[in-house]
Amino acid sequence: MSSATRVITTTTIAVITGDLVGSQQLPAAELQHVMQRLQQTLEALQNDFQFDFDLYRGDSFQLAVQQPQDAALLASIVQLSLASGAPSVAVRQCIALGESAPVQGGVKVAAGEVFTRSGHGLDSLKGAGLLVQTGRTLIQHQLTLVTKYFASHLARLTVTQSAVVLAYLLADDKSHEQIALQLGKTRSNVTRILNASQYHLITEYLTYYAELVEKEY
């Protein structure tokens, strides 16, 4: 007598685990407002990206991203959204790449090596920043240092720069004229802010990450 063996299909996903930096110093009403803004941002992003997410512990969040090449862009959007809001809030995040069975019952109850690695990576960050954990030696070497520089650059953006770079990353029409119209600024002002933000370096890292991950996974 034979018994059927259930085969669980796994795919490569990215898990982003993050939390707010200095949330203990925020009044309860402001913290609630920040987390509501984060939830609205993530819900809006689900129109264009495939991921599940959950907010937990009052100041933490986790995303399970079905297209792992999108993870750095999503993490950047989260950071810029929080940095450009009122109050402006810093965030630390860890992207882990790895195999996972389909997420059922919500991200909060999801388990597996990639979720654990993302959480442990976040715990290793002592302040605001971004970390990528791949579990593969070569791609880890290719991403570790450049991601540190990228995270340092994003952290130095002002509130205004964060808002304009965020609008640029989210825009379908990336012309400076269109972004200026959206933000109620002049085209020359938008161009000046984007150039001061060195936005080309930001988009070059995001392209580098996406192409590398797509190639390796």
N, C-alpha and C. Protein backbone atom coordinates (compact mmCIF):
# COMPACT_ATOMS: atom_id res chain seq x y z
N MET A 1 0.84 -1.17 0.00
CA MET A 1 0.00 0.00 0.00
C MET A 1 0.89 1.24 0.00
N SER A 2 0.61 2.12 -0.94
CA SER A 2 1.45 3.32 -1.09
C SER A 2 0.72 4.52 -0.54
N SER A 3 1.47 5.46 -0.13
CA SER A 3 0.88 6.71 0.36
C SER A 3 1.39 7.86 -0.49
N ALA A 4 0.52 8.79 -0.75
CA ALA A 4 0.90 9.94 -1.58
C ALA A 4 1.76 10.90 -0.75
N THR A 5 2.77 11.40 -1.39
CA THR A 5 3.65 12.38 -0.75
C THR A 5 3.30 13.77 -1.25
N ARG A 6 3.04 14.63 -0.34
CA ARG A 6 2.69 16.00 -0.71
C ARG A 6 3.96 16.77 -1.04
N VAL A 7 3.98 17.35 -2.24
CA VAL A 7 5.12 18.14 -2.67
C VAL A 7 4.82 19.61 -2.46
N ILE A 8 5.64 20.25 -1.68
CA ILE A 8 5.46 21.69 -1.43
C ILE A 8 6.37 22.47 -2.37
N THR A 9 5.77 23.28 -3.21
CA THR A 9 6.53 24.07 -4.16
C THR A 9 7.06 25.34 -3.50
N THR A 10 8.33 25.60 -3.69
CA THR A 10 8.93 26.82 -3.15
C THR A 10 9.40 27.71 -4.28
N THR A 11 9.44 28.98 -4.02
CA THR A 11 9.98 29.95 -4.96
C THR A 11 10.88 30.92 -4.21
N THR A 12 11.73 31.61 -4.95
CA THR A 12 12.59 32.62 -4.34
C THR A 12 11.80 33.89 -4.10
N ILE A 13 11.83 34.37 -2.88
CA ILE A 13 11.17 35.62 -2.53
C ILE A 13 12.17 36.51 -1.80
N ALA A 14 11.77 37.73 -1.56
CA ALA A 14 12.52 38.63 -0.68
C ALA A 14 11.65 38.94 0.52
N VAL A 15 12.24 38.91 1.69
CA VAL A 15 11.54 39.30 2.91
C VAL A 15 12.20 40.57 3.44
N ILE A 16 11.42 41.61 3.59
CA ILE A 16 11.91 42.87 4.16
C ILE A 16 11.35 42.99 5.57
N THR A 17 12.22 43.04 6.55
CA THR A 17 11.81 43.27 7.93
C THR A 17 12.36 44.62 8.35
N GLY A 18 11.53 45.42 8.98
CA GLY A 18 11.99 46.76 9.36
C GLY A 18 11.30 47.27 10.61
N ASP A 19 11.89 48.30 11.18
CA ASP A 19 11.24 49.01 12.27
C ASP A 19 11.70 50.46 12.30
N LEU A 20 10.93 51.26 13.02
CA LEU A 20 11.24 52.69 13.13
C LEU A 20 12.37 52.90 14.12
N VAL A 21 13.23 53.86 13.82
CA VAL A 21 14.33 54.21 14.72
C VAL A 21 13.88 55.35 15.63
N GLY A 22 14.04 55.14 16.92
CA GLY A 22 13.67 56.19 17.87
C GLY A 22 12.18 56.32 18.10
N SER A 23 11.43 55.26 17.84
CA SER A 23 9.97 55.34 17.98
C SER A 23 9.56 55.59 19.44
N GLN A 24 10.43 55.19 20.39
CA GLN A 24 10.09 55.38 21.81
C GLN A 24 9.99 56.85 22.18
N GLN A 25 10.66 57.70 21.39
CA GLN A 25 10.64 59.14 21.67
C GLN A 25 9.42 59.84 21.07
N LEU A 26 8.65 59.13 20.24
CA LEU A 26 7.49 59.74 19.61
C LEU A 26 6.28 59.67 20.54
N PRO A 27 5.51 60.75 20.66
CA PRO A 27 4.24 60.66 21.38
C PRO A 27 3.35 59.60 20.73
N ALA A 28 2.50 58.98 21.52
CA ALA A 28 1.68 57.87 21.03
C ALA A 28 0.87 58.26 19.80
N ALA A 29 0.32 59.46 19.80
CA ALA A 29 -0.51 59.89 18.66
C ALA A 29 0.32 60.02 17.40
N GLU A 30 1.55 60.53 17.52
CA GLU A 30 2.41 60.67 16.34
C GLU A 30 2.86 59.31 15.82
N LEU A 31 3.18 58.38 16.73
CA LEU A 31 3.57 57.04 16.31
C LEU A 31 2.42 56.36 15.57
N GLN A 32 1.22 56.51 16.08
CA GLN A 32 0.06 55.92 15.41
C GLN A 32 -0.12 56.53 14.02
N HIS A 33 0.08 57.85 13.92
CA HIS A 33 -0.04 58.52 12.63
C HIS A 33 1.01 58.01 11.64
N VAL A 34 2.24 57.83 12.10
CA VAL A 34 3.31 57.33 11.24
C VAL A 34 2.98 55.93 10.74
N MET A 35 2.51 55.07 11.61
CA MET A 35 2.21 53.69 11.21
C MET A 35 1.00 53.65 10.28
N GLN A 36 0.04 54.53 10.48
CA GLN A 36 -1.09 54.61 9.56
C GLN A 36 -0.63 55.06 8.18
N ARG A 37 0.30 56.02 8.17
CA ARG A 37 0.85 56.49 6.89
C ARG A 37 1.62 55.38 6.19
N LEU A 38 2.37 54.59 6.97
CA LEU A 38 3.10 53.47 6.39
C LEU A 38 2.13 52.44 5.81
N GLN A 39 1.07 52.14 6.53
CA GLN A 39 0.10 51.17 6.03
C GLN A 39 -0.53 51.66 4.74
N GLN A 40 -0.88 52.93 4.66
CA GLN A 40 -1.47 53.49 3.44
C GLN A 40 -0.49 53.43 2.28
N THR A 41 0.79 53.70 2.57
CA THR A 41 1.81 53.63 1.53
C THR A 41 1.93 52.22 0.98
N LEU A 42 1.99 51.24 1.88
CA LEU A 42 2.14 49.85 1.45
C LEU A 42 0.91 49.35 0.70
N GLU A 43 -0.25 49.74 1.16
CA GLU A 43 -1.48 49.33 0.46
C GLU A 43 -1.51 49.91 -0.95
N ALA A 44 -1.07 51.15 -1.11
CA ALA A 44 -1.04 51.76 -2.44
C ALA A 44 -0.02 51.06 -3.34
N LEU A 45 1.10 50.65 -2.78
CA LEU A 45 2.14 49.98 -3.57
C LEU A 45 1.70 48.61 -4.06
N GLN A 46 0.74 48.00 -3.38
CA GLN A 46 0.27 46.68 -3.80
C GLN A 46 -0.43 46.72 -5.15
N ASN A 47 -0.78 47.91 -5.63
CA ASN A 47 -1.35 48.03 -6.97
C ASN A 47 -0.31 47.75 -8.04
N ASP A 48 0.98 47.96 -7.72
CA ASP A 48 2.04 47.84 -8.72
C ASP A 48 3.05 46.74 -8.42
N PHE A 49 3.10 46.27 -7.18
CA PHE A 49 4.07 45.25 -6.79
C PHE A 49 3.34 44.09 -6.11
N GLN A 50 3.90 42.90 -6.25
CA GLN A 50 3.30 41.71 -5.66
C GLN A 50 3.97 41.42 -4.31
N PHE A 51 3.27 41.73 -3.23
CA PHE A 51 3.80 41.43 -1.90
C PHE A 51 2.67 41.41 -0.89
N ASP A 52 2.90 40.67 0.18
CA ASP A 52 2.04 40.69 1.36
C ASP A 52 2.80 41.41 2.46
N PHE A 53 2.08 42.02 3.37
CA PHE A 53 2.78 42.72 4.46
C PHE A 53 1.96 42.66 5.73
N ASP A 54 2.64 42.95 6.81
CA ASP A 54 1.98 43.06 8.11
C ASP A 54 2.73 44.09 8.95
N LEU A 55 1.99 44.78 9.79
CA LEU A 55 2.56 45.70 10.78
C LEU A 55 2.37 45.06 12.14
N TYR A 56 3.38 45.17 12.99
CA TYR A 56 3.28 44.51 14.28
C TYR A 56 4.15 45.22 15.31
N ARG A 57 3.94 44.89 16.57
CA ARG A 57 4.71 45.42 17.71
C ARG A 57 4.69 46.94 17.80
N GLY A 58 3.76 47.56 17.13
CA GLY A 58 3.61 49.01 17.25
C GLY A 58 4.50 49.84 16.37
N ASP A 59 5.72 49.33 16.03
CA ASP A 59 6.63 50.14 15.22
C ASP A 59 7.40 49.30 14.20
N SER A 60 6.92 48.08 13.92
CA SER A 60 7.66 47.16 13.06
C SER A 60 6.79 46.72 11.89
N PHE A 61 7.45 46.22 10.85
CA PHE A 61 6.72 45.78 9.66
C PHE A 61 7.52 44.69 8.95
N GLN A 62 6.81 43.91 8.14
CA GLN A 62 7.47 42.88 7.36
C GLN A 62 6.73 42.70 6.04
N LEU A 63 7.49 42.57 4.96
CA LEU A 63 6.95 42.35 3.63
C LEU A 63 7.50 41.04 3.07
N ALA A 64 6.65 40.27 2.41
CA ALA A 64 7.07 39.09 1.65
C ALA A 64 6.86 39.43 0.18
N VAL A 65 7.95 39.67 -0.53
CA VAL A 65 7.92 40.21 -1.89
C VAL A 65 8.09 39.07 -2.89
N GLN A 66 7.10 38.90 -3.77
CA GLN A 66 7.13 37.76 -4.70
C GLN A 66 8.17 37.91 -5.80
N GLN A 67 8.48 39.14 -6.18
CA GLN A 67 9.53 39.41 -7.17
C GLN A 67 10.72 40.00 -6.43
N PRO A 68 11.71 39.19 -6.06
CA PRO A 68 12.78 39.67 -5.18
C PRO A 68 13.59 40.83 -5.76
N GLN A 69 13.59 40.98 -7.09
CA GLN A 69 14.32 42.08 -7.69
C GLN A 69 13.68 43.44 -7.36
N ASP A 70 12.44 43.43 -6.87
CA ASP A 70 11.77 44.68 -6.50
C ASP A 70 12.06 45.13 -5.08
N ALA A 71 12.74 44.31 -4.30
CA ALA A 71 12.83 44.56 -2.85
C ALA A 71 13.58 45.84 -2.50
N ALA A 72 14.68 46.11 -3.18
CA ALA A 72 15.45 47.33 -2.85
C ALA A 72 14.64 48.58 -3.16
N LEU A 73 13.90 48.56 -4.26
CA LEU A 73 13.05 49.70 -4.60
C LEU A 73 11.97 49.88 -3.55
N LEU A 74 11.33 48.80 -3.14
CA LEU A 74 10.29 48.90 -2.11
C LEU A 74 10.86 49.41 -0.80
N ALA A 75 12.02 48.90 -0.39
CA ALA A 75 12.64 49.37 0.85
C ALA A 75 12.98 50.86 0.76
N SER A 76 13.42 51.30 -0.41
CA SER A 76 13.75 52.72 -0.60
C SER A 76 12.51 53.59 -0.52
N ILE A 77 11.43 53.12 -1.13
CA ILE A 77 10.18 53.88 -1.08
C ILE A 77 9.68 54.00 0.36
N VAL A 78 9.77 52.91 1.11
CA VAL A 78 9.37 52.95 2.53
C VAL A 78 10.22 53.98 3.27
N GLN A 79 11.53 53.93 3.09
CA GLN A 79 12.40 54.85 3.81
C GLN A 79 12.13 56.30 3.44
N LEU A 80 12.00 56.58 2.15
CA LEU A 80 11.78 57.95 1.70
C LEU A 80 10.41 58.46 2.13
N SER A 81 9.42 57.59 2.13
CA SER A 81 8.08 57.98 2.57
C SER A 81 8.08 58.38 4.04
N LEU A 82 8.75 57.60 4.86
CA LEU A 82 8.80 57.92 6.28
C LEU A 82 9.66 59.15 6.55
N ALA A 83 10.74 59.30 5.80
CA ALA A 83 11.64 60.44 5.99
C ALA A 83 11.02 61.75 5.56
N SER A 84 10.12 61.71 4.57
CA SER A 84 9.53 62.93 4.02
C SER A 84 8.22 63.32 4.70
N GLY A 85 7.76 62.52 5.65
CA GLY A 85 6.49 62.81 6.30
C GLY A 85 6.65 63.73 7.49
N ALA A 86 5.54 63.99 8.14
CA ALA A 86 5.54 64.80 9.36
C ALA A 86 4.87 63.99 10.46
N PRO A 87 5.64 63.54 11.46
CA PRO A 87 7.07 63.80 11.64
C PRO A 87 7.92 62.94 10.72
N SER A 88 9.14 63.45 10.46
CA SER A 88 10.11 62.69 9.68
C SER A 88 10.71 61.60 10.57
N VAL A 89 10.69 60.36 10.07
CA VAL A 89 11.12 59.22 10.88
C VAL A 89 12.15 58.41 10.10
N ALA A 90 13.21 57.99 10.80
CA ALA A 90 14.22 57.11 10.20
C ALA A 90 13.79 55.66 10.39
N VAL A 91 14.36 54.79 9.57
CA VAL A 91 13.97 53.39 9.60
C VAL A 91 15.18 52.52 9.36
N ARG A 92 15.17 51.33 9.91
CA ARG A 92 16.19 50.33 9.57
C ARG A 92 15.47 49.13 8.95
N GLN A 93 16.10 48.52 7.93
CA GLN A 93 15.47 47.44 7.20
C GLN A 93 16.50 46.40 6.79
N CYS A 94 16.06 45.15 6.76
CA CYS A 94 16.89 44.07 6.24
C CYS A 94 16.13 43.31 5.17
N ILE A 95 16.74 43.20 4.00
CA ILE A 95 16.20 42.39 2.90
C ILE A 95 16.90 41.04 2.94
N ALA A 96 16.14 39.97 3.03
CA ALA A 96 16.70 38.62 2.93
C ALA A 96 16.13 37.96 1.68
N LEU A 97 16.97 37.24 0.96
CA LEU A 97 16.56 36.52 -0.24
C LEU A 97 16.65 35.02 0.02
N GLY A 98 15.65 34.29 -0.42
CA GLY A 98 15.70 32.85 -0.23
C GLY A 98 14.42 32.16 -0.66
N GLU A 99 14.43 30.85 -0.52
CA GLU A 99 13.30 30.03 -0.92
C GLU A 99 12.21 30.05 0.16
N SER A 100 10.96 30.02 -0.30
CA SER A 100 9.85 29.98 0.64
C SER A 100 8.65 29.30 -0.02
N ALA A 101 7.91 28.57 0.78
CA ALA A 101 6.62 28.07 0.33
C ALA A 101 5.64 29.23 0.28
N PRO A 102 4.52 29.07 -0.44
CA PRO A 102 3.53 30.16 -0.48
C PRO A 102 3.12 30.61 0.92
N VAL A 103 3.04 31.92 1.11
CA VAL A 103 2.67 32.49 2.40
C VAL A 103 1.17 32.33 2.60
N GLN A 104 0.78 31.66 3.65
CA GLN A 104 -0.63 31.45 3.95
C GLN A 104 -0.92 31.93 5.36
N GLY A 105 -2.05 32.60 5.51
CA GLY A 105 -2.44 33.07 6.83
C GLY A 105 -1.80 34.39 7.23
N GLY A 106 -1.12 35.04 6.27
CA GLY A 106 -0.54 36.33 6.57
C GLY A 106 0.94 36.26 6.91
N VAL A 107 1.62 37.35 6.66
CA VAL A 107 3.06 37.42 6.89
C VAL A 107 3.39 37.24 8.37
N LYS A 108 2.51 37.72 9.23
CA LYS A 108 2.78 37.67 10.67
C LYS A 108 3.03 36.24 11.17
N VAL A 109 2.36 35.26 10.55
CA VAL A 109 2.52 33.88 11.00
C VAL A 109 3.41 33.06 10.06
N ALA A 110 4.00 33.71 9.07
CA ALA A 110 4.87 33.00 8.12
C ALA A 110 6.15 32.57 8.83
N ALA A 111 6.69 31.45 8.38
CA ALA A 111 7.91 30.91 8.97
C ALA A 111 8.81 30.40 7.85
N GLY A 112 10.05 30.17 8.20
CA GLY A 112 11.00 29.67 7.23
C GLY A 112 12.32 30.39 7.35
N GLU A 113 13.34 29.81 6.73
CA GLU A 113 14.71 30.31 6.87
C GLU A 113 14.86 31.75 6.40
N VAL A 114 14.19 32.11 5.30
CA VAL A 114 14.35 33.46 4.76
C VAL A 114 13.74 34.50 5.69
N PHE A 115 12.64 34.15 6.37
CA PHE A 115 12.03 35.07 7.33
C PHE A 115 12.93 35.23 8.56
N THR A 116 13.50 34.11 9.01
CA THR A 116 14.40 34.16 10.16
C THR A 116 15.65 34.99 9.84
N ARG A 117 16.20 34.80 8.64
CA ARG A 117 17.43 35.53 8.28
C ARG A 117 17.16 37.02 8.18
N SER A 118 15.99 37.39 7.69
CA SER A 118 15.65 38.81 7.61
C SER A 118 15.54 39.42 9.02
N GLY A 119 14.90 38.69 9.93
CA GLY A 119 14.77 39.19 11.30
C GLY A 119 16.10 39.29 12.01
N HIS A 120 16.95 38.28 11.84
CA HIS A 120 18.27 38.32 12.49
C HIS A 120 19.13 39.44 11.90
N GLY A 121 19.01 39.65 10.58
CA GLY A 121 19.75 40.73 9.95
C GLY A 121 19.34 42.09 10.51
N LEU A 122 18.03 42.26 10.71
CA LEU A 122 17.55 43.51 11.28
C LEU A 122 18.12 43.71 12.68
N ASP A 123 18.16 42.66 13.46
CA ASP A 123 18.69 42.76 14.83
C ASP A 123 20.15 43.17 14.84
N SER A 124 20.88 42.87 13.76
CA SER A 124 22.30 43.21 13.71
C SER A 124 22.54 44.67 13.37
N LEU A 125 21.52 45.36 12.88
CA LEU A 125 21.65 46.79 12.57
C LEU A 125 21.49 47.60 13.84
N LYS A 126 22.46 48.44 14.13
CA LYS A 126 22.44 49.19 15.38
C LYS A 126 21.73 50.54 15.25
N GLY A 127 21.48 50.96 14.03
CA GLY A 127 20.78 52.22 13.81
C GLY A 127 20.10 52.19 12.46
N ALA A 128 19.71 53.36 11.97
CA ALA A 128 19.05 53.43 10.67
C ALA A 128 19.97 52.86 9.59
N GLY A 129 19.36 52.23 8.60
CA GLY A 129 20.17 51.68 7.51
C GLY A 129 19.45 50.59 6.77
N LEU A 130 20.17 50.01 5.82
CA LEU A 130 19.63 48.93 4.99
C LEU A 130 20.69 47.85 4.86
N LEU A 131 20.24 46.61 5.02
CA LEU A 131 21.13 45.45 4.94
C LEU A 131 20.50 44.44 3.99
N VAL A 132 21.33 43.76 3.19
CA VAL A 132 20.85 42.69 2.32
C VAL A 132 21.54 41.40 2.74
N GLN A 133 20.75 40.35 2.97
CA GLN A 133 21.26 39.03 3.33
C GLN A 133 20.81 38.04 2.26
N THR A 134 21.77 37.45 1.54
CA THR A 134 21.42 36.59 0.42
C THR A 134 21.59 35.10 0.70
N GLY A 135 22.48 34.75 1.62
CA GLY A 135 22.77 33.35 1.85
C GLY A 135 23.66 32.73 0.78
N ARG A 136 24.16 33.56 -0.13
CA ARG A 136 25.05 33.09 -1.19
C ARG A 136 26.30 33.96 -1.20
N THR A 137 27.46 33.34 -1.19
CA THR A 137 28.72 34.05 -0.97
C THR A 137 28.99 35.11 -2.04
N LEU A 138 28.86 34.76 -3.32
CA LEU A 138 29.25 35.67 -4.39
C LEU A 138 28.37 36.91 -4.43
N ILE A 139 27.05 36.72 -4.48
CA ILE A 139 26.16 37.88 -4.57
C ILE A 139 26.20 38.69 -3.27
N GLN A 140 26.45 38.01 -2.13
CA GLN A 140 26.58 38.75 -0.88
C GLN A 140 27.77 39.70 -0.95
N HIS A 141 28.87 39.21 -1.49
CA HIS A 141 30.06 40.05 -1.67
C HIS A 141 29.78 41.21 -2.61
N GLN A 142 28.99 40.96 -3.64
CA GLN A 142 28.70 42.00 -4.62
C GLN A 142 27.76 43.08 -4.09
N LEU A 143 26.97 42.75 -3.08
CA LEU A 143 25.96 43.68 -2.60
C LEU A 143 26.29 44.36 -1.27
N THR A 144 27.10 43.75 -0.43
CA THR A 144 27.25 44.24 0.94
C THR A 144 27.78 45.67 1.00
N LEU A 145 28.92 45.92 0.41
CA LEU A 145 29.55 47.24 0.54
C LEU A 145 28.76 48.32 -0.19
N VAL A 146 28.32 48.03 -1.41
CA VAL A 146 27.60 49.04 -2.18
C VAL A 146 26.28 49.39 -1.51
N THR A 147 25.66 48.41 -0.84
CA THR A 147 24.41 48.69 -0.12
C THR A 147 24.66 49.59 1.08
N LYS A 148 25.80 49.42 1.75
CA LYS A 148 26.14 50.32 2.86
C LYS A 148 26.27 51.76 2.38
N TYR A 149 26.95 51.96 1.25
CA TYR A 149 27.08 53.31 0.70
C TYR A 149 25.72 53.88 0.30
N PHE A 150 24.90 53.03 -0.32
CA PHE A 150 23.56 53.45 -0.75
C PHE A 150 22.73 53.88 0.45
N ALA A 151 22.73 53.06 1.50
CA ALA A 151 21.95 53.38 2.69
C ALA A 151 22.44 54.67 3.34
N SER A 152 23.75 54.85 3.38
CA SER A 152 24.31 56.08 3.95
C SER A 152 23.88 57.30 3.15
N HIS A 153 23.85 57.15 1.84
CA HIS A 153 23.43 58.26 0.99
C HIS A 153 21.96 58.61 1.23
N LEU A 154 21.09 57.62 1.26
CA LEU A 154 19.67 57.89 1.49
C LEU A 154 19.45 58.57 2.84
N ALA A 155 20.20 58.14 3.84
CA ALA A 155 20.02 58.67 5.20
C ALA A 155 20.39 60.15 5.29
N ARG A 156 21.23 60.63 4.37
CA ARG A 156 21.67 62.02 4.41
C ARG A 156 20.73 62.97 3.67
N LEU A 157 19.72 62.45 2.98
CA LEU A 157 18.79 63.31 2.25
C LEU A 157 17.95 64.12 3.23
N THR A 158 17.66 65.35 2.87
CA THR A 158 16.78 66.18 3.68
C THR A 158 15.33 65.74 3.48
N VAL A 159 14.43 66.32 4.27
CA VAL A 159 13.01 66.01 4.13
C VAL A 159 12.53 66.36 2.73
N THR A 160 12.90 67.54 2.23
CA THR A 160 12.49 67.96 0.90
C THR A 160 13.09 67.07 -0.18
N GLN A 161 14.38 66.76 -0.06
CA GLN A 161 15.00 65.87 -1.03
C GLN A 161 14.35 64.50 -1.04
N SER A 162 14.03 63.98 0.13
CA SER A 162 13.37 62.68 0.24
C SER A 162 12.03 62.70 -0.48
N ALA A 163 11.27 63.79 -0.32
CA ALA A 163 9.96 63.89 -0.94
C ALA A 163 10.06 63.92 -2.46
N VAL A 164 11.04 64.66 -2.98
CA VAL A 164 11.17 64.79 -4.43
C VAL A 164 11.71 63.51 -5.05
N VAL A 165 12.70 62.88 -4.40
CA VAL A 165 13.21 61.60 -4.91
C VAL A 165 12.12 60.54 -4.85
N LEU A 166 11.32 60.54 -3.80
CA LEU A 166 10.20 59.60 -3.69
C LEU A 166 9.24 59.78 -4.85
N ALA A 167 8.88 61.02 -5.13
CA ALA A 167 7.96 61.29 -6.26
C ALA A 167 8.56 60.82 -7.57
N TYR A 168 9.87 61.01 -7.73
CA TYR A 168 10.55 60.57 -8.95
C TYR A 168 10.50 59.04 -9.09
N LEU A 169 10.78 58.33 -8.01
CA LEU A 169 10.79 56.87 -8.07
C LEU A 169 9.40 56.31 -8.36
N LEU A 170 8.36 56.97 -7.85
CA LEU A 170 7.00 56.48 -8.02
C LEU A 170 6.38 56.88 -9.35
N ALA A 171 6.93 57.88 -10.00
CA ALA A 171 6.29 58.44 -11.19
C ALA A 171 6.42 57.52 -12.40
N ASP A 172 5.34 57.38 -13.15
CA ASP A 172 5.40 56.71 -14.45
C ASP A 172 6.07 57.64 -15.46
N ASP A 173 5.66 58.90 -15.43
CA ASP A 173 6.28 59.93 -16.26
C ASP A 173 7.34 60.62 -15.40
N LYS A 174 8.60 60.33 -15.68
CA LYS A 174 9.68 60.84 -14.84
C LYS A 174 10.25 62.18 -15.33
N SER A 175 9.53 62.85 -16.20
CA SER A 175 9.98 64.17 -16.62
C SER A 175 9.91 65.12 -15.43
N HIS A 176 10.88 66.00 -15.36
CA HIS A 176 10.92 66.94 -14.24
C HIS A 176 9.72 67.87 -14.26
N GLU A 177 9.22 68.16 -15.45
CA GLU A 177 8.04 69.02 -15.56
C GLU A 177 6.83 68.37 -14.87
N GLN A 178 6.65 67.07 -15.11
CA GLN A 178 5.50 66.37 -14.53
C GLN A 178 5.63 66.26 -13.02
N ILE A 179 6.83 65.98 -12.54
CA ILE A 179 7.03 65.87 -11.09
C ILE A 179 6.83 67.23 -10.43
N ALA A 180 7.28 68.29 -11.08
CA ALA A 180 7.08 69.64 -10.55
C ALA A 180 5.59 69.96 -10.44
N LEU A 181 4.83 69.58 -11.46
CA LEU A 181 3.38 69.80 -11.44
C LEU A 181 2.74 69.04 -10.29
N GLN A 182 3.16 67.81 -10.08
CA GLN A 182 2.61 66.96 -9.01
C GLN A 182 2.90 67.55 -7.63
N LEU A 183 4.11 68.12 -7.46
CA LEU A 183 4.53 68.60 -6.14
C LEU A 183 4.26 70.09 -5.93
N GLY A 184 3.78 70.77 -6.96
CA GLY A 184 3.54 72.21 -6.82
C GLY A 184 4.81 73.02 -6.77
N LYS A 185 5.84 72.56 -7.49
CA LYS A 185 7.12 73.26 -7.55
C LYS A 185 7.42 73.64 -8.99
N THR A 186 8.45 74.44 -9.19
CA THR A 186 8.88 74.75 -10.54
C THR A 186 9.77 73.64 -11.08
N ARG A 187 9.84 73.52 -12.40
CA ARG A 187 10.68 72.48 -12.99
C ARG A 187 12.13 72.69 -12.59
N SER A 188 12.60 73.94 -12.59
CA SER A 188 14.00 74.20 -12.25
C SER A 188 14.29 73.84 -10.79
N ASN A 189 13.31 74.04 -9.91
CA ASN A 189 13.49 73.69 -8.51
C ASN A 189 13.59 72.18 -8.34
N VAL A 190 12.72 71.45 -9.03
CA VAL A 190 12.76 69.99 -8.97
C VAL A 190 14.10 69.47 -9.50
N THR A 191 14.55 70.02 -10.61
CA THR A 191 15.84 69.60 -11.18
C THR A 191 16.98 69.87 -10.21
N ARG A 192 16.95 71.03 -9.58
CA ARG A 192 18.00 71.38 -8.63
C ARG A 192 18.00 70.41 -7.44
N ILE A 193 16.82 70.09 -6.91
CA ILE A 193 16.72 69.20 -5.75
C ILE A 193 17.17 67.79 -6.13
N LEU A 194 16.73 67.30 -7.29
CA LEU A 194 17.13 65.96 -7.72
C LEU A 194 18.64 65.87 -7.93
N ASN A 195 19.21 66.88 -8.53
CA ASN A 195 20.66 66.87 -8.75
C ASN A 195 21.42 66.92 -7.42
N ALA A 196 20.93 67.74 -6.50
CA ALA A 196 21.58 67.81 -5.18
C ALA A 196 21.45 66.48 -4.44
N SER A 197 20.39 65.74 -4.73
CA SER A 197 20.17 64.43 -4.11
C SER A 197 20.98 63.33 -4.78
N GLN A 198 21.65 63.68 -5.90
CA GLN A 198 22.38 62.69 -6.69
C GLN A 198 21.48 61.49 -7.01
N TYR A 199 20.32 61.85 -7.57
CA TYR A 199 19.30 60.82 -7.80
C TYR A 199 19.75 59.77 -8.80
N HIS A 200 20.67 60.10 -9.68
CA HIS A 200 21.16 59.11 -10.63
C HIS A 200 21.90 57.98 -9.90
N LEU A 201 22.62 58.32 -8.83
CA LEU A 201 23.29 57.27 -8.05
C LEU A 201 22.26 56.34 -7.40
N ILE A 202 21.14 56.92 -6.96
CA ILE A 202 20.08 56.12 -6.34
C ILE A 202 19.48 55.16 -7.35
N THR A 203 19.13 55.66 -8.52
CA THR A 203 18.51 54.80 -9.54
C THR A 203 19.52 53.79 -10.08
N GLU A 204 20.80 54.16 -10.14
CA GLU A 204 21.82 53.21 -10.61
C GLU A 204 21.97 52.04 -9.63
N TYR A 205 21.94 52.33 -8.32
CA TYR A 205 22.01 51.22 -7.35
C TYR A 205 20.79 50.33 -7.49
N LEU A 206 19.60 50.91 -7.59
CA LEU A 206 18.38 50.12 -7.68
C LEU A 206 18.38 49.24 -8.93
N THR A 207 18.89 49.78 -10.03
CA THR A 207 19.00 48.97 -11.25
C THR A 207 20.03 47.87 -11.07
N TYR A 208 21.17 48.20 -10.45
CA TYR A 208 22.21 47.21 -10.20
C TYR A 208 21.68 46.07 -9.34
N TYR A 209 21.00 46.40 -8.26
CA TYR A 209 20.43 45.38 -7.38
C TYR A 209 19.45 44.50 -8.14
N ALA A 210 18.52 45.12 -8.87
CA ALA A 210 17.48 44.36 -9.57
C ALA A 210 18.07 43.43 -10.61
N GLU A 211 19.04 43.92 -11.39
CA GLU A 211 19.63 43.09 -12.44
C GLU A 211 20.45 41.96 -11.85
N LEU A 212 21.15 42.23 -10.77
CA LEU A 212 21.98 41.20 -10.13
C LEU A 212 21.11 40.09 -9.54
N VAL A 213 20.05 40.48 -8.84
CA VAL A 213 19.17 39.50 -8.22
C VAL A 213 18.43 38.69 -9.28
N GLU A 214 17.99 39.36 -10.33
CA GLU A 214 17.29 38.65 -11.40
C GLU A 214 18.20 37.64 -12.07
N LYS A 215 19.47 37.99 -12.22
CA LYS A 215 20.44 37.09 -12.84
C LYS A 215 20.76 35.89 -11.95
N GLU A 216 20.92 36.15 -10.64
CA GLU A 216 21.37 35.09 -9.73
C GLU A 216 20.23 34.18 -9.25
N TYR A 217 18.99 34.69 -9.30
CA TYR A 217 17.87 33.91 -8.77
C TYR A 217 16.87 33.55 -9.86
